Amino acid sequence: MYQQLNMKSYISIFILATSLFAISASCKTKKAAQKTTVKKTEQAQSVPPTAAAARKDIKNNQVKYYSFGIAAPKPQFVAAMQSSYKISVISLGCPVNDGIMGYNSVVDSFMKAKYHKSVGDVQKESMY
């Protein structure tokens, strides 16, 4: 009985340690996202992105692409979007809404029309 209890304790400690490691890794990913952001999140959220805002930004040559999700955009992707296409990448973390999706959809169409590449194409190229 004593050995069985010890084994359960070891398994519990292992599960707890693994959980803490996963949480720690998630926090590091969020910090990396903040470092690779071209513009501060506060600036991005001052005007909620919409498809209409995207069309206005394209006219004014101030195009942005809103990145969202747990994983931060890769620095190579951010650099490629800025240097090759003059598009600022703004990382918002996890929240997403219809406005952001509409804005990004217009920017993706703009890139396809002007550069014959989608945002996804640039992301794939930045992976290697």
Protein backbone atom coordinates (compact mmCIF):
# COMPACT_ATOMS: atom_id res chain seq x y z
CA MET A 1 0.00 0.00 0.00
CA TYR A 2 2.82 2.41 0.91
CA GLN A 3 4.59 1.83 -2.43
CA GLN A 4 1.35 2.30 -4.33
CA LEU A 5 0.74 5.60 -2.55
CA ASN A 6 4.27 6.74 -3.40
CA MET A 7 3.75 5.91 -7.08
CA LYS A 8 0.53 7.98 -7.10
CA SER A 9 2.42 10.84 -5.49
CA TYR A 10 5.14 10.68 -8.13
CA ILE A 11 2.57 10.68 -10.91
CA SER A 12 0.77 13.65 -9.35
CA ILE A 13 4.03 15.59 -9.04
CA PHE A 14 4.90 14.78 -12.65
CA ILE A 15 1.52 16.02 -13.89
CA LEU A 16 1.82 19.20 -11.82
CA ALA A 17 5.35 19.89 -13.09
CA THR A 18 4.28 19.33 -16.70
CA SER A 19 1.35 21.72 -16.27
CA LEU A 20 3.59 24.42 -14.80
CA PHE A 21 6.05 24.00 -17.66
CA ALA A 22 3.25 24.40 -20.23
CA ILE A 23 1.97 27.56 -18.52
CA SER A 24 5.50 28.99 -18.39
CA ALA A 25 6.00 28.32 -22.12
CA SER A 26 2.72 30.07 -22.90
CA CYS A 27 3.84 33.17 -20.99
CA LYS A 28 7.14 33.24 -22.90
CA THR A 29 5.23 33.10 -26.20
CA LYS A 30 3.13 36.11 -25.17
CA LYS A 31 6.30 38.07 -24.27
CA ALA A 32 7.82 37.20 -27.65
CA ALA A 33 4.64 38.47 -29.36
CA GLN A 34 5.00 41.81 -27.64
CA LYS A 35 8.64 42.12 -28.76
CA THR A 36 7.89 41.40 -32.43
CA THR A 37 5.01 43.83 -32.67
CA VAL A 38 5.76 46.66 -35.07
CA LYS A 39 3.23 49.03 -33.50
CA LYS A 40 1.99 49.09 -29.93
CA THR A 41 -1.29 47.30 -29.27
CA GLU A 42 -2.75 50.41 -27.66
CA GLN A 43 -2.34 52.31 -30.93
CA ALA A 44 -3.95 49.47 -32.86
CA GLN A 45 -6.99 49.37 -30.61
CA SER A 46 -7.59 53.13 -30.66
CA VAL A 47 -9.52 52.68 -33.92
CA PRO A 48 -11.22 49.29 -34.21
CA PRO A 49 -10.17 47.68 -37.50
CA THR A 50 -12.90 47.17 -40.06
CA ALA A 51 -13.02 46.48 -43.79
CA ALA A 52 -13.81 50.18 -44.38
CA ALA A 53 -10.78 51.18 -42.29
CA ALA A 54 -8.61 48.84 -44.38
CA ARG A 55 -9.75 50.46 -47.63
CA LYS A 56 -9.01 53.90 -46.14
CA ASP A 57 -5.57 52.78 -44.93
CA ILE A 58 -4.74 51.34 -48.36
CA LYS A 59 -5.68 54.68 -49.98
CA ASN A 60 -3.45 56.51 -47.48
CA ASN A 61 -0.56 54.03 -47.85
CA GLN A 62 -0.81 53.11 -44.16
CA VAL A 63 -1.65 49.43 -44.53
CA LYS A 64 -1.60 47.21 -41.45
CA TYR A 65 -2.07 43.49 -40.90
CA TYR A 66 -3.52 42.37 -37.56
CA SER A 67 -1.99 39.18 -36.20
CA PHE A 68 -3.86 37.33 -33.47
CA GLY A 69 -3.64 34.08 -31.56
CA ILE A 70 -1.35 32.61 -28.94
CA ALA A 71 1.69 32.35 -31.20
CA ALA A 72 3.49 35.57 -32.03
CA PRO A 73 4.22 36.39 -35.65
CA LYS A 74 7.72 35.31 -36.65
CA PRO A 75 10.24 38.18 -36.87
CA GLN A 76 11.02 37.15 -40.47
CA PHE A 77 7.35 37.57 -41.41
CA VAL A 78 7.14 40.98 -39.71
CA ALA A 79 10.33 42.11 -41.49
CA ALA A 80 9.17 40.82 -44.89
CA MET A 81 5.78 42.52 -44.63
CA GLN A 82 7.39 45.82 -43.64
CA SER A 83 10.36 45.88 -46.01
CA SER A 84 8.86 44.26 -49.12
CA TYR A 85 5.25 45.41 -48.91
CA LYS A 86 5.28 48.42 -46.52
CA ILE A 87 2.64 46.73 -44.35
CA SER A 88 2.88 47.07 -40.57
CA VAL A 89 2.14 43.91 -38.57
CA ILE A 90 0.28 44.48 -35.32
CA SER A 91 0.04 41.63 -32.82
CA LEU A 92 -3.14 41.66 -30.72
CA GLY A 93 -2.70 38.44 -28.77
CA CYS A 94 -5.71 36.15 -28.51
CA PRO A 95 -8.75 38.40 -29.06
CA VAL A 96 -10.29 38.45 -32.53
CA ASN A 97 -13.54 39.87 -33.86
CA ASP A 98 -15.37 40.34 -37.15
CA GLY A 99 -13.81 43.78 -37.64
CA ILE A 100 -10.27 42.40 -37.55
CA MET A 101 -11.22 39.55 -39.87
CA GLY A 102 -12.80 42.02 -42.32
CA TYR A 103 -9.77 44.33 -42.19
CA ASN A 104 -7.34 41.45 -42.82
CA SER A 105 -9.51 40.12 -45.65
CA VAL A 106 -9.33 43.47 -47.47
CA VAL A 107 -5.55 43.64 -46.94
CA ASP A 108 -5.17 40.09 -48.26
CA SER A 109 -7.17 40.99 -51.39
CA PHE A 110 -5.06 44.14 -51.82
CA MET A 111 -1.84 42.11 -51.65
CA LYS A 112 -3.15 39.55 -54.14
CA ALA A 113 -4.12 42.31 -56.58
CA LYS A 114 -0.96 44.40 -56.20
CA TYR A 115 1.75 41.81 -55.49
CA HIS A 116 0.14 38.54 -56.68
CA LYS A 117 0.81 37.09 -53.21
CA SER A 118 -1.45 36.57 -50.22
CA VAL A 119 -0.51 37.23 -46.60
CA GLY A 120 -0.43 33.45 -46.18
CA ASP A 121 2.12 33.18 -49.00
CA VAL A 122 4.42 35.63 -47.19
CA GLN A 123 3.95 33.73 -43.92
CA LYS A 124 4.92 30.45 -45.61
CA GLU A 125 7.98 32.06 -47.25
CA SER A 126 9.03 33.44 -43.86
CA MET A 127 9.07 29.99 -42.28
CA TYR A 128 12.20 28.84 -44.11
